[in-house]
Amino acid sequence: MSDTPDPILDKLPPERLLDADHLQPIVAGINCMHSMETIQQYLAYENQHENRTPIQSRLRKRAREIRRDESDTEEQAVA
């Protein structure tokens, strides 16, 4: 996991990004997320406020991508 805060939180906190009317800017914001902590915060917000399945699915997909990337990085460091 990343030790540095995700810059997306500073400019687009969950209540601002997830309040968008269209899926495209939300997905673009999700694609800019690079830490599991950020994903967890946005998913928790979405679960409590909007509960939109497509957004929740995209956040979970991004979490899988981050975990995969972290795993790949760890494997390369060991090799």
PDB file of N, CA and C in Angstrom:
ATOM      1  N   MET A   1       0.830  -1.188   0.000  1.00  0.00           N
ATOM      2  CA  MET A   1       0.000   0.000   0.000  1.00  0.00           C
ATOM      3  C   MET A   1       0.869   1.245   0.000  1.00  0.00           C
ATOM      4  N   SER A   2       0.310   2.264  -0.499  1.00  0.00           N
ATOM      5  CA  SER A   2       1.050   3.513  -0.606  1.00  0.00           C
ATOM      6  C   SER A   2       1.087   4.232   0.735  1.00  0.00           C
ATOM      7  N   ASP A   3       2.244   4.811   1.041  1.00  0.00           N
ATOM      8  CA  ASP A   3       2.389   5.575   2.279  1.00  0.00           C
ATOM      9  C   ASP A   3       2.015   7.039   2.078  1.00  0.00           C
ATOM     10  N   THR A   4       1.967   7.487   0.842  1.00  0.00           N
ATOM     11  CA  THR A   4       1.653   8.884   0.570  1.00  0.00           C
ATOM     12  C   THR A   4       0.186   9.025   0.235  1.00  0.00           C
ATOM     13  N   PRO A   5      -0.420  10.115   0.651  1.00  0.00           N
ATOM     14  CA  PRO A   5      -1.833  10.318   0.342  1.00  0.00           C
ATOM     15  C   PRO A   5      -2.029  10.479  -1.159  1.00  0.00           C
ATOM     16  N   ASP A   6      -3.173  10.060  -1.625  1.00  0.00           N
ATOM     17  CA  ASP A   6      -3.496  10.153  -3.041  1.00  0.00           C
ATOM     18  C   ASP A   6      -3.916  11.580  -3.350  1.00  0.00           C
ATOM     19  N   PRO A   7      -3.282  12.268  -4.313  1.00  0.00           N
ATOM     20  CA  PRO A   7      -3.620  13.664  -4.613  1.00  0.00           C
ATOM     21  C   PRO A   7      -5.077  13.856  -5.030  1.00  0.00           C
ATOM     22  N   ILE A   8      -5.714  12.812  -5.500  1.00  0.00           N
ATOM     23  CA  ILE A   8      -7.114  12.944  -5.917  1.00  0.00           C
ATOM     24  C   ILE A   8      -7.987  13.360  -4.739  1.00  0.00           C
ATOM     25  N   LEU A   9      -7.616  12.947  -3.525  1.00  0.00           N
ATOM     26  CA  LEU A   9      -8.413  13.302  -2.350  1.00  0.00           C
ATOM     27  C   LEU A   9      -8.423  14.802  -2.099  1.00  0.00           C
ATOM     28  N   ASP A  10      -7.309  15.468  -2.423  1.00  0.00           N
ATOM     29  CA  ASP A  10      -7.225  16.910  -2.205  1.00  0.00           C
ATOM     30  C   ASP A  10      -8.137  17.692  -3.142  1.00  0.00           C
ATOM     31  N   LYS A  11      -8.182  17.281  -4.394  1.00  0.00           N
ATOM     32  CA  LYS A  11      -8.935  18.040  -5.392  1.00  0.00           C
ATOM     33  C   LYS A  11     -10.359  17.523  -5.596  1.00  0.00           C
ATOM     34  N   LEU A  12     -10.547  16.229  -5.406  1.00  0.00           N
ATOM     35  CA  LEU A  12     -11.867  15.640  -5.632  1.00  0.00           C
ATOM     36  C   LEU A  12     -12.225  14.673  -4.508  1.00  0.00           C
ATOM     37  N   PRO A  13     -12.609  15.191  -3.355  1.00  0.00           N
ATOM     38  CA  PRO A  13     -13.026  14.293  -2.281  1.00  0.00           C
ATOM     39  C   PRO A  13     -14.257  13.502  -2.719  1.00  0.00           C
ATOM     40  N   PRO A  14     -14.553  12.382  -2.073  1.00  0.00           N
ATOM     41  CA  PRO A  14     -15.666  11.538  -2.517  1.00  0.00           C
ATOM     42  C   PRO A  14     -16.967  12.294  -2.757  1.00  0.00           C
ATOM     43  N   GLU A  15     -17.314  13.198  -1.854  1.00  0.00           N
ATOM     44  CA  GLU A  15     -18.599  13.892  -2.001  1.00  0.00           C
ATOM     45  C   GLU A  15     -18.640  14.784  -3.245  1.00  0.00           C
ATOM     46  N   ARG A  16     -17.494  15.175  -3.744  1.00  0.00           N
ATOM     47  CA  ARG A  16     -17.471  16.020  -4.941  1.00  0.00           C
ATOM     48  C   ARG A  16     -17.414  15.175  -6.220  1.00  0.00           C
ATOM     49  N   LEU A  17     -16.479  14.229  -6.282  1.00  0.00           N
ATOM     50  CA  LEU A  17     -16.346  13.402  -7.481  1.00  0.00           C
ATOM     51  C   LEU A  17     -17.588  12.548  -7.708  1.00  0.00           C
ATOM     52  N   LEU A  18     -18.069  11.902  -6.664  1.00  0.00           N
ATOM     53  CA  LEU A  18     -19.174  10.961  -6.822  1.00  0.00           C
ATOM     54  C   LEU A  18     -20.518  11.657  -6.965  1.00  0.00           C
ATOM     55  N   ASP A  19     -20.534  12.976  -6.885  1.00  0.00           N
ATOM     56  CA  ASP A  19     -21.757  13.733  -7.072  1.00  0.00           C
ATOM     57  C   ASP A  19     -21.998  14.059  -8.555  1.00  0.00           C
ATOM     58  N   ALA A  20     -21.057  13.685  -9.411  1.00  0.00           N
ATOM     59  CA  ALA A  20     -21.198  13.965 -10.844  1.00  0.00           C
ATOM     60  C   ALA A  20     -22.424  13.247 -11.406  1.00  0.00           C
ATOM     61  N   ASP A  21     -23.048  13.874 -12.394  1.00  0.00           N
ATOM     62  CA  ASP A  21     -24.245  13.303 -13.002  1.00  0.00           C
ATOM     63  C   ASP A  21     -23.938  12.240 -14.049  1.00  0.00           C
ATOM     64  N   HIS A  22     -22.736  12.272 -14.582  1.00  0.00           N
ATOM     65  CA  HIS A  22     -22.374  11.347 -15.651  1.00  0.00           C
ATOM     66  C   HIS A  22     -21.270  10.408 -15.195  1.00  0.00           C
ATOM     67  N   LEU A  23     -21.302   9.207 -15.705  1.00  0.00           N
ATOM     68  CA  LEU A  23     -20.348   8.175 -15.317  1.00  0.00           C
ATOM     69  C   LEU A  23     -18.929   8.485 -15.789  1.00  0.00           C
ATOM     70  N   GLN A  24     -18.777   9.096 -16.950  1.00  0.00           N
ATOM     71  CA  GLN A  24     -17.460   9.311 -17.538  1.00  0.00           C
ATOM     72  C   GLN A  24     -16.492  10.089 -16.637  1.00  0.00           C
ATOM     73  N   PRO A  25     -16.875  11.227 -16.048  1.00  0.00           N
ATOM     74  CA  PRO A  25     -15.917  11.907 -15.166  1.00  0.00           C
ATOM     75  C   PRO A  25     -15.626  11.128 -13.888  1.00  0.00           C
ATOM     76  N   ILE A  26     -16.575  10.359 -13.422  1.00  0.00           N
ATOM     77  CA  ILE A  26     -16.345   9.546 -12.225  1.00  0.00           C
ATOM     78  C   ILE A  26     -15.311   8.469 -12.530  1.00  0.00           C
ATOM     79  N   VAL A  27     -15.472   7.790 -13.668  1.00  0.00           N
ATOM     80  CA  VAL A  27     -14.522   6.741 -14.054  1.00  0.00           C
ATOM     81  C   VAL A  27     -13.134   7.341 -14.271  1.00  0.00           C
ATOM     82  N   ALA A  28     -13.069   8.503 -14.882  1.00  0.00           N
ATOM     83  CA  ALA A  28     -11.774   9.164 -15.079  1.00  0.00           C
ATOM     84  C   ALA A  28     -11.107   9.440 -13.731  1.00  0.00           C
ATOM     85  N   GLY A  29     -11.875   9.894 -12.757  1.00  0.00           N
ATOM     86  CA  GLY A  29     -11.332  10.137 -11.417  1.00  0.00           C
ATOM     87  C   GLY A  29     -10.869   8.852 -10.759  1.00  0.00           C
ATOM     88  N   ILE A  30     -11.643   7.799 -10.917  1.00  0.00           N
ATOM     89  CA  ILE A  30     -11.271   6.504 -10.341  1.00  0.00           C
ATOM     90  C   ILE A  30      -9.962   6.017 -10.956  1.00  0.00           C
ATOM     91  N   ASN A  31      -9.797   6.219 -12.249  1.00  0.00           N
ATOM     92  CA  ASN A  31      -8.570   5.791 -12.925  1.00  0.00           C
ATOM     93  C   ASN A  31      -7.345   6.538 -12.426  1.00  0.00           C
ATOM     94  N   CYS A  32      -7.532   7.695 -11.813  1.00  0.00           N
ATOM     95  CA  CYS A  32      -6.419   8.487 -11.270  1.00  0.00           C
ATOM     96  C   CYS A  32      -6.057   8.076  -9.852  1.00  0.00           C
ATOM     97  N   MET A  33      -6.794   7.163  -9.270  1.00  0.00           N
ATOM     98  CA  MET A  33      -6.537   6.724  -7.903  1.00  0.00           C
ATOM     99  C   MET A  33      -5.416   5.694  -7.895  1.00  0.00           C
ATOM    100  N   HIS A  34      -4.510   5.848  -6.928  1.00  0.00           N
ATOM    101  CA  HIS A  34      -3.348   4.968  -6.880  1.00  0.00           C
ATOM    102  C   HIS A  34      -3.126   4.319  -5.524  1.00  0.00           C
ATOM    103  N   SER A  35      -4.050   4.474  -4.599  1.00  0.00           N
ATOM    104  CA  SER A  35      -3.868   3.842  -3.295  1.00  0.00           C
ATOM    105  C   SER A  35      -5.144   3.135  -2.863  1.00  0.00           C
ATOM    106  N   MET A  36      -4.949   2.047  -2.142  1.00  0.00           N
ATOM    107  CA  MET A  36      -6.090   1.286  -1.635  1.00  0.00           C
ATOM    108  C   MET A  36      -6.888   2.119  -0.635  1.00  0.00           C
ATOM    109  N   GLU A  37      -6.206   2.964   0.118  1.00  0.00           N
ATOM    110  CA  GLU A  37      -6.903   3.796   1.098  1.00  0.00           C
ATOM    111  C   GLU A  37      -7.906   4.715   0.400  1.00  0.00           C
ATOM    112  N   THR A  38      -7.499   5.268  -0.719  1.00  0.00           N
ATOM    113  CA  THR A  38      -8.392   6.148  -1.477  1.00  0.00           C
ATOM    114  C   THR A  38      -9.592   5.372  -1.992  1.00  0.00           C
ATOM    115  N   ILE A  39      -9.332   4.226  -2.578  1.00  0.00           N
ATOM    116  CA  ILE A  39     -10.422   3.386  -3.097  1.00  0.00           C
ATOM    117  C   ILE A  39     -11.396   3.059  -1.972  1.00  0.00           C
ATOM    118  N   GLN A  40     -10.881   2.686  -0.825  1.00  0.00           N
ATOM    119  CA  GLN A  40     -11.736   2.333   0.306  1.00  0.00           C
ATOM    120  C   GLN A  40     -12.599   3.514   0.747  1.00  0.00           C
ATOM    121  N   GLN A  41     -12.026   4.705   0.764  1.00  0.00           N
ATOM    122  CA  GLN A  41     -12.789   5.890   1.163  1.00  0.00           C
ATOM    123  C   GLN A  41     -13.916   6.179   0.175  1.00  0.00           C
ATOM    124  N   TYR A  42     -13.607   6.098  -1.102  1.00  0.00           N
ATOM    125  CA  TYR A  42     -14.623   6.373  -2.117  1.00  0.00           C
ATOM    126  C   TYR A  42     -15.698   5.294  -2.123  1.00  0.00           C
ATOM    127  N   LEU A  43     -15.301   4.038  -1.959  1.00  0.00           N
ATOM    128  CA  LEU A  43     -16.278   2.955  -1.939  1.00  0.00           C
ATOM    129  C   LEU A  43     -17.198   3.076  -0.723  1.00  0.00           C
ATOM    130  N   ALA A  44     -16.634   3.411   0.418  1.00  0.00           N
ATOM    131  CA  ALA A  44     -17.452   3.599   1.617  1.00  0.00           C
ATOM    132  C   ALA A  44     -18.457   4.728   1.404  1.00  0.00           C
ATOM    133  N   TYR A  45     -18.002   5.822   0.811  1.00  0.00           N
ATOM    134  CA  TYR A  45     -18.898   6.949   0.546  1.00  0.00           C
ATOM    135  C   TYR A  45     -20.010   6.533  -0.418  1.00  0.00           C
ATOM    136  N   GLU A  46     -19.639   5.860  -1.477  1.00  0.00           N
ATOM    137  CA  GLU A  46     -20.628   5.422  -2.466  1.00  0.00           C
ATOM    138  C   GLU A  46     -21.637   4.466  -1.838  1.00  0.00           C
ATOM    139  N   ASN A  47     -21.170   3.555  -1.021  1.00  0.00           N
ATOM    140  CA  ASN A  47     -22.061   2.602  -0.356  1.00  0.00           C
ATOM    141  C   ASN A  47     -23.071   3.312   0.542  1.00  0.00           C
ATOM    142  N   GLN A  48     -22.642   4.372   1.205  1.00  0.00           N
ATOM    143  CA  GLN A  48     -23.511   5.069   2.144  1.00  0.00           C
ATOM    144  C   GLN A  48     -24.450   6.067   1.480  1.00  0.00           C
ATOM    145  N   HIS A  49     -24.045   6.643   0.352  1.00  0.00           N
ATOM    146  CA  HIS A  49     -24.808   7.749  -0.201  1.00  0.00           C
ATOM    147  C   HIS A  49     -25.581   7.427  -1.474  1.00  0.00           C
ATOM    148  N   GLU A  50     -24.927   6.888  -2.456  1.00  0.00           N
ATOM    149  CA  GLU A  50     -25.597   6.672  -3.741  1.00  0.00           C
ATOM    150  C   GLU A  50     -25.911   5.209  -3.994  1.00  0.00           C
ATOM    151  N   ASN A  51     -24.980   4.333  -3.610  1.00  0.00           N
ATOM    152  CA  ASN A  51     -25.166   2.890  -3.746  1.00  0.00           C
ATOM    153  C   ASN A  51     -25.404   2.472  -5.198  1.00  0.00           C
ATOM    154  N   ARG A  52     -24.618   3.057  -6.121  1.00  0.00           N
ATOM    155  CA  ARG A  52     -24.747   2.735  -7.543  1.00  0.00           C
ATOM    156  C   ARG A  52     -23.821   1.576  -7.884  1.00  0.00           C
ATOM    157  N   THR A  53     -24.411   0.495  -8.356  1.00  0.00           N
ATOM    158  CA  THR A  53     -23.656  -0.706  -8.674  1.00  0.00           C
ATOM    159  C   THR A  53     -22.532  -0.464  -9.685  1.00  0.00           C
ATOM    160  N   PRO A  54     -22.757   0.290 -10.777  1.00  0.00           N
ATOM    161  CA  PRO A  54     -21.652   0.491 -11.728  1.00  0.00           C
ATOM    162  C   PRO A  54     -20.446   1.214 -11.108  1.00  0.00           C
ATOM    163  N   ILE A  55     -20.702   2.150 -10.225  1.00  0.00           N
ATOM    164  CA  ILE A  55     -19.602   2.875  -9.570  1.00  0.00           C
ATOM    165  C   ILE A  55     -18.886   1.950  -8.588  1.00  0.00           C
ATOM    166  N   GLN A  56     -19.642   1.202  -7.819  1.00  0.00           N
ATOM    167  CA  GLN A  56     -19.044   0.270  -6.877  1.00  0.00           C
ATOM    168  C   GLN A  56     -18.200  -0.763  -7.613  1.00  0.00           C
ATOM    169  N   SER A  57     -18.710  -1.262  -8.735  1.00  0.00           N
ATOM    170  CA  SER A  57     -17.968  -2.241  -9.528  1.00  0.00           C
ATOM    171  C   SER A  57     -16.673  -1.651 -10.059  1.00  0.00           C
ATOM    172  N   ARG A  58     -16.729  -0.422 -10.536  1.00  0.00           N
ATOM    173  CA  ARG A  58     -15.524   0.214 -11.083  1.00  0.00           C
ATOM    174  C   ARG A  58     -14.488   0.460  -9.989  1.00  0.00           C
ATOM    175  N   LEU A  59     -14.943   0.851  -8.797  1.00  0.00           N
ATOM    176  CA  LEU A  59     -14.019   1.033  -7.679  1.00  0.00           C
ATOM    177  C   LEU A  59     -13.371  -0.299  -7.292  1.00  0.00           C
ATOM    178  N   ARG A  60     -14.140  -1.369  -7.266  1.00  0.00           N
ATOM    179  CA  ARG A  60     -13.583  -2.689  -6.938  1.00  0.00           C
ATOM    180  C   ARG A  60     -12.595  -3.153  -8.006  1.00  0.00           C
ATOM    181  N   LYS A  61     -12.916  -2.878  -9.253  1.00  0.00           N
ATOM    182  CA  LYS A  61     -12.008  -3.229 -10.347  1.00  0.00           C
ATOM    183  C   LYS A  61     -10.688  -2.478 -10.198  1.00  0.00           C
ATOM    184  N   ARG A  62     -10.765  -1.195  -9.882  1.00  0.00           N
ATOM    185  CA  ARG A  62      -9.546  -0.395  -9.700  1.00  0.00           C
ATOM    186  C   ARG A  62      -8.734  -0.927  -8.514  1.00  0.00           C
ATOM    187  N   ALA A  63      -9.414  -1.361  -7.465  1.00  0.00           N
ATOM    188  CA  ALA A  63      -8.717  -1.949  -6.316  1.00  0.00           C
ATOM    189  C   ALA A  63      -7.961  -3.209  -6.734  1.00  0.00           C
ATOM    190  N   ARG A  64      -8.578  -4.047  -7.558  1.00  0.00           N
ATOM    191  CA  ARG A  64      -7.896  -5.247  -8.056  1.00  0.00           C
ATOM    192  C   ARG A  64      -6.671  -4.870  -8.885  1.00  0.00           C
ATOM    193  N   GLU A  65      -6.799  -3.838  -9.700  1.00  0.00           N
ATOM    194  CA  GLU A  65      -5.671  -3.383 -10.522  1.00  0.00           C
ATOM    195  C   GLU A  65      -4.520  -2.903  -9.638  1.00  0.00           C
ATOM    196  N   ILE A  66      -4.841  -2.155  -8.608  1.00  0.00           N
ATOM    197  CA  ILE A  66      -3.804  -1.646  -7.703  1.00  0.00           C
ATOM    198  C   ILE A  66      -3.114  -2.800  -6.984  1.00  0.00           C
ATOM    199  N   ARG A  67      -3.905  -3.756  -6.488  1.00  0.00           N
ATOM    200  CA  ARG A  67      -3.314  -4.917  -5.806  1.00  0.00           C
ATOM    201  C   ARG A  67      -2.413  -5.703  -6.757  1.00  0.00           C
ATOM    202  N   ARG A  68      -2.860  -5.885  -8.000  1.00  0.00           N
ATOM    203  CA  ARG A  68      -2.063  -6.600  -8.995  1.00  0.00           C
ATOM    204  C   ARG A  68      -0.750  -5.851  -9.262  1.00  0.00           C
ATOM    205  N   ASP A  69      -0.836  -4.549  -9.444  1.00  0.00           N
ATOM    206  CA  ASP A  69       0.365  -3.750  -9.693  1.00  0.00           C
ATOM    207  C   ASP A  69       1.329  -3.814  -8.512  1.00  0.00           C
ATOM    208  N   GLU A  70       0.801  -3.746  -7.292  1.00  0.00           N
ATOM    209  CA  GLU A  70       1.655  -3.833  -6.107  1.00  0.00           C
ATOM    210  C   GLU A  70       2.307  -5.203  -6.010  1.00  0.00           C
ATOM    211  N   SER A  71       1.568  -6.250  -6.349  1.00  0.00           N
ATOM    212  CA  SER A  71       2.100  -7.597  -6.326  1.00  0.00           C
ATOM    213  C   SER A  71       3.204  -7.759  -7.363  1.00  0.00           C
ATOM    214  N   ASP A  72       2.982  -7.220  -8.562  1.00  0.00           N
ATOM    215  CA  ASP A  72       3.995  -7.274  -9.623  1.00  0.00           C
ATOM    216  C   ASP A  72       5.267  -6.548  -9.186  1.00  0.00           C
ATOM    217  N   THR A  73       5.096  -5.390  -8.548  1.00  0.00           N
ATOM    218  CA  THR A  73       6.238  -4.602  -8.089  1.00  0.00           C
ATOM    219  C   THR A  73       7.025  -5.363  -7.033  1.00  0.00           C
ATOM    220  N   GLU A  74       6.310  -6.009  -6.110  1.00  0.00           N
ATOM    221  CA  GLU A  74       6.978  -6.787  -5.065  1.00  0.00           C
ATOM    222  C   GLU A  74       7.733  -7.959  -5.662  1.00  0.00           C
ATOM    223  N   GLU A  75       7.143  -8.624  -6.647  1.00  0.00           N
ATOM    224  CA  GLU A  75       7.806  -9.768  -7.293  1.00  0.00           C
ATOM    225  C   GLU A  75       9.071  -9.305  -8.012  1.00  0.00           C
ATOM    226  N   GLN A  76       9.031  -8.148  -8.650  1.00  0.00           N
ATOM    227  CA  GLN A  76      10.199  -7.633  -9.349  1.00  0.00           C
ATOM    228  C   GLN A  76      11.305  -7.252  -8.363  1.00  0.00           C
ATOM    229  N   ALA A  77      10.921  -6.766  -7.198  1.00  0.00           N
ATOM    230  CA  ALA A  77      11.912  -6.385  -6.191  1.00  0.00           C
ATOM    231  C   ALA A  77      12.630  -7.609  -5.630  1.00  0.00           C
ATOM    232  N   VAL A  78      11.930  -8.723  -5.538  1.00  0.00           N
ATOM    233  CA  VAL A  78      12.497  -9.952  -5.001  1.00  0.00           C
ATOM    234  C   VAL A  78      13.412 -10.613  -6.039  1.00  0.00           C
ATOM    235  N   ALA A  79      13.067 -10.486  -7.296  1.00  0.00           N
ATOM    236  CA  ALA A  79      13.831 -11.163  -8.362  1.00  0.00           C
ATOM    237  C   ALA A  79      15.183 -10.568  -8.587  1.00  0.00           C
TER     238      ALA A  79
END
